[in-house]
Amino acid sequence: MAAESLPFSFGTLSSWELEAWYEDLQEVLSSDENGGTYVSPPGNEEEESKIFTTLDPASLAWLTEEEPEPAEVTSTSQSPHSPDSSQSSLAQEEEEEDQGRTRKRKQSGHSPARAGKQRMKEKEQENERKVAQLAEENERLKQEIERLTREVEATRRALIDRMVNLHQA
């Protein structure tokens, strides 16, 4: 079985993009409240043996910034007259909370992933400014070194001439 190639090469991604993708991946993997299993830190062998479960489409709606379709939400809920009504009411409350969070994220226009990407972008820009400042300082220091080198050479020549003149006199 051959592995598929990636649609991009790693060389084309900047460090802040990779960091933002990593943060997004960590958020998805650790989302215990959305129906996925919690990814435990290394060393917990019991948790490592569990298989990561797939999240339902309603809980992933915030990723695509689309509202879940009513058919998806109502198909997962049970009628209040069923024997499991206490469990279904809890599930409905959790779904309503998830939908409320989705709406809040849409209204505010800022998701944790976007905030992380924005921080990374700002950090990248700050690093670029620092690089420019350091390059400027480096150039200034090179010019200073050249000036001091010329001064040392002139002093050395003057000292040699003086020594030669002392021996001749």
Protein backbone atom coordinates (compact mmCIF):
# COMPACT_ATOMS: atom_id res chain seq x y z
CA MET A 1 0.00 0.00 0.00
CA ALA A 2 1.60 3.27 -1.12
CA ALA A 3 1.39 6.40 1.01
CA GLU A 4 -0.17 9.46 -0.52
CA SER A 5 1.99 12.53 -0.93
CA LEU A 6 1.04 15.72 0.85
CA PRO A 7 -0.58 18.51 -1.19
CA PHE A 8 2.26 20.82 -0.10
CA SER A 9 5.89 20.62 0.84
CA PHE A 10 7.06 21.50 4.34
CA GLY A 11 9.57 23.96 2.92
CA THR A 12 6.81 26.32 1.77
CA LEU A 13 5.22 26.77 5.20
CA SER A 14 6.45 29.44 7.56
CA SER A 15 7.14 28.64 11.18
CA TRP A 16 4.10 30.54 12.43
CA GLU A 17 1.82 28.57 10.08
CA LEU A 18 3.22 25.28 11.33
CA GLU A 19 2.86 26.43 14.93
CA ALA A 20 -0.75 27.50 14.34
CA TRP A 21 -1.54 24.15 12.71
CA TYR A 22 0.05 22.36 15.64
CA GLU A 23 -2.05 24.37 18.12
CA ASP A 24 -5.22 23.63 16.13
CA LEU A 25 -4.38 19.93 16.10
CA GLN A 26 -3.76 19.95 19.84
CA GLU A 27 -7.13 21.62 20.45
CA VAL A 28 -8.98 19.06 18.35
CA LEU A 29 -7.20 16.11 19.90
CA SER A 30 -7.79 17.28 23.45
CA SER A 31 -11.45 18.25 22.99
CA ASP A 32 -12.95 15.96 25.60
CA GLU A 33 -16.16 17.96 25.88
CA ASN A 34 -17.08 17.58 22.19
CA GLY A 35 -17.38 13.80 22.27
CA GLY A 36 -13.82 12.77 21.50
CA THR A 37 -11.69 10.81 23.91
CA TYR A 38 -9.10 12.74 25.82
CA VAL A 39 -5.55 12.30 24.55
CA SER A 40 -3.54 11.68 27.69
CA PRO A 41 0.07 12.66 28.23
CA PRO A 42 2.66 9.94 27.49
CA GLY A 43 3.03 7.30 30.17
CA ASN A 44 -0.63 6.46 30.71
CA GLU A 45 -0.78 3.13 28.91
CA GLU A 46 -4.46 2.49 29.62
CA GLU A 47 -5.48 5.68 27.82
CA GLU A 48 -3.00 5.03 25.00
CA SER A 49 -4.75 1.75 24.25
CA LYS A 50 -8.05 3.53 23.49
CA ILE A 51 -8.77 4.47 19.89
CA PHE A 52 -9.54 8.10 19.17
CA THR A 53 -13.23 8.40 18.36
CA THR A 54 -14.50 10.60 15.57
CA LEU A 55 -16.40 13.72 16.55
CA ASP A 56 -19.95 14.15 15.29
CA PRO A 57 -20.57 16.82 12.59
CA ALA A 58 -22.54 19.07 14.95
CA SER A 59 -19.58 19.43 17.30
CA LEU A 60 -17.23 20.25 14.41
CA ALA A 61 -19.47 23.01 13.03
CA TRP A 62 -17.23 25.69 14.55
CA LEU A 63 -14.34 24.46 12.41
CA THR A 64 -16.19 25.14 9.18
CA GLU A 65 -18.02 28.15 10.61
CA GLU A 66 -21.34 26.78 9.44
CA GLU A 67 -24.44 26.23 11.54
CA PRO A 68 -25.32 22.54 11.92
CA GLU A 69 -28.34 21.54 9.93
CA PRO A 70 -31.50 21.06 12.00
CA ALA A 71 -31.82 17.48 10.71
CA GLU A 72 -28.45 16.58 12.20
CA VAL A 73 -29.27 18.03 15.60
CA THR A 74 -32.79 16.62 15.87
CA SER A 75 -31.83 13.18 14.62
CA THR A 76 -29.48 12.67 17.56
CA SER A 77 -31.95 13.74 20.24
CA GLN A 78 -34.54 11.43 21.78
CA SER A 79 -38.08 12.22 22.81
CA PRO A 80 -38.58 13.28 26.44
CA HIS A 81 -40.98 10.34 26.97
CA SER A 82 -38.29 7.70 26.36
CA PRO A 83 -36.79 5.72 29.26
CA ASP A 84 -33.44 7.48 28.75
CA SER A 85 -34.97 10.95 29.03
CA SER A 86 -32.44 12.07 31.65
CA GLN A 87 -29.57 11.15 29.35
CA SER A 88 -31.22 12.73 26.32
CA SER A 89 -31.85 15.98 28.19
CA LEU A 90 -28.17 16.10 29.15
CA ALA A 91 -27.21 15.48 25.53
CA GLN A 92 -29.60 18.21 24.39
CA GLU A 93 -28.15 20.66 26.92
CA GLU A 94 -24.63 19.88 25.74
CA GLU A 95 -25.67 20.37 22.10
CA GLU A 96 -27.30 23.69 22.96
CA GLU A 97 -24.14 24.81 24.76
CA ASP A 98 -22.04 23.79 21.75
CA GLN A 99 -24.36 25.72 19.43
CA GLY A 100 -24.20 28.73 21.74
CA ARG A 101 -20.41 28.61 21.66
CA THR A 102 -20.49 28.36 17.88
CA ARG A 103 -22.73 31.41 17.64
CA LYS A 104 -20.55 33.37 20.07
CA ARG A 105 -17.45 32.54 18.04
CA LYS A 106 -19.17 33.61 14.85
CA GLN A 107 -20.42 36.82 16.40
CA SER A 108 -17.09 37.77 17.87
CA GLY A 109 -15.23 36.67 14.75
CA HIS A 110 -12.39 35.30 16.85
CA SER A 111 -11.78 31.64 17.50
CA PRO A 112 -8.94 30.34 19.65
CA ALA A 113 -7.24 29.06 16.51
CA ARG A 114 -7.45 32.49 14.86
CA ALA A 115 -6.13 34.17 17.99
CA GLY A 116 -3.21 31.74 18.02
CA LYS A 117 -2.53 32.38 14.35
CA GLN A 118 -2.71 36.14 14.95
CA ARG A 119 -0.25 35.86 17.86
CA MET A 120 2.08 33.80 15.71
CA LYS A 121 1.82 36.31 12.86
CA GLU A 122 2.59 39.21 15.22
CA LYS A 123 5.50 37.28 16.68
CA GLU A 124 6.81 36.56 13.18
CA GLN A 125 6.60 40.28 12.30
CA GLU A 126 8.36 41.20 15.54
CA ASN A 127 11.09 38.69 14.76
CA GLU A 128 11.48 40.16 11.27
CA ARG A 129 11.89 43.65 12.80
CA LYS A 130 14.51 42.28 15.18
CA VAL A 131 16.36 40.65 12.29
CA ALA A 132 16.34 43.96 10.39
CA GLN A 133 17.65 45.81 13.46
CA LEU A 134 20.36 43.21 14.03
CA ALA A 135 21.38 43.33 10.37
CA GLU A 136 21.66 47.12 10.61
CA GLU A 137 23.71 46.85 13.81
CA ASN A 138 25.88 44.19 12.17
CA GLU A 139 26.59 46.49 9.23
CA ARG A 140 27.46 49.36 11.58
CA LEU A 141 29.85 47.11 13.52
CA LYS A 142 31.51 45.93 10.29
CA GLN A 143 32.15 49.55 9.31
CA GLU A 144 33.57 50.25 12.78
CA ILE A 145 35.86 47.21 12.49
CA GLU A 146 37.09 48.41 9.08
CA ARG A 147 37.79 51.89 10.48
CA LEU A 148 39.69 50.45 13.46
CA THR A 149 41.63 48.11 11.15
CA ARG A 150 42.73 51.07 9.01
CA GLU A 151 43.71 52.97 12.17
CA VAL A 152 45.74 50.01 13.47
CA GLU A 153 47.49 49.64 10.10
CA ALA A 154 48.37 53.34 10.04
CA THR A 155 49.66 53.19 13.63
CA ARG A 156 51.67 50.05 12.83
CA ARG A 157 53.25 51.67 9.77
CA ALA A 158 54.09 54.79 11.79
CA LEU A 159 55.65 52.65 14.52
CA ILE A 160 57.73 50.66 12.00
CA ASP A 161 58.92 53.88 10.34
CA ARG A 162 59.88 55.31 13.71
CA MET A 163 61.80 52.13 14.67
CA VAL A 164 63.65 52.15 11.34
CA ASN A 165 64.51 55.83 11.74
CA LEU A 166 65.82 55.23 15.28
CA HIS A 167 68.14 52.45 14.07
CA GLN A 168 69.46 54.64 11.26
CA ALA A 169 70.20 57.56 13.52
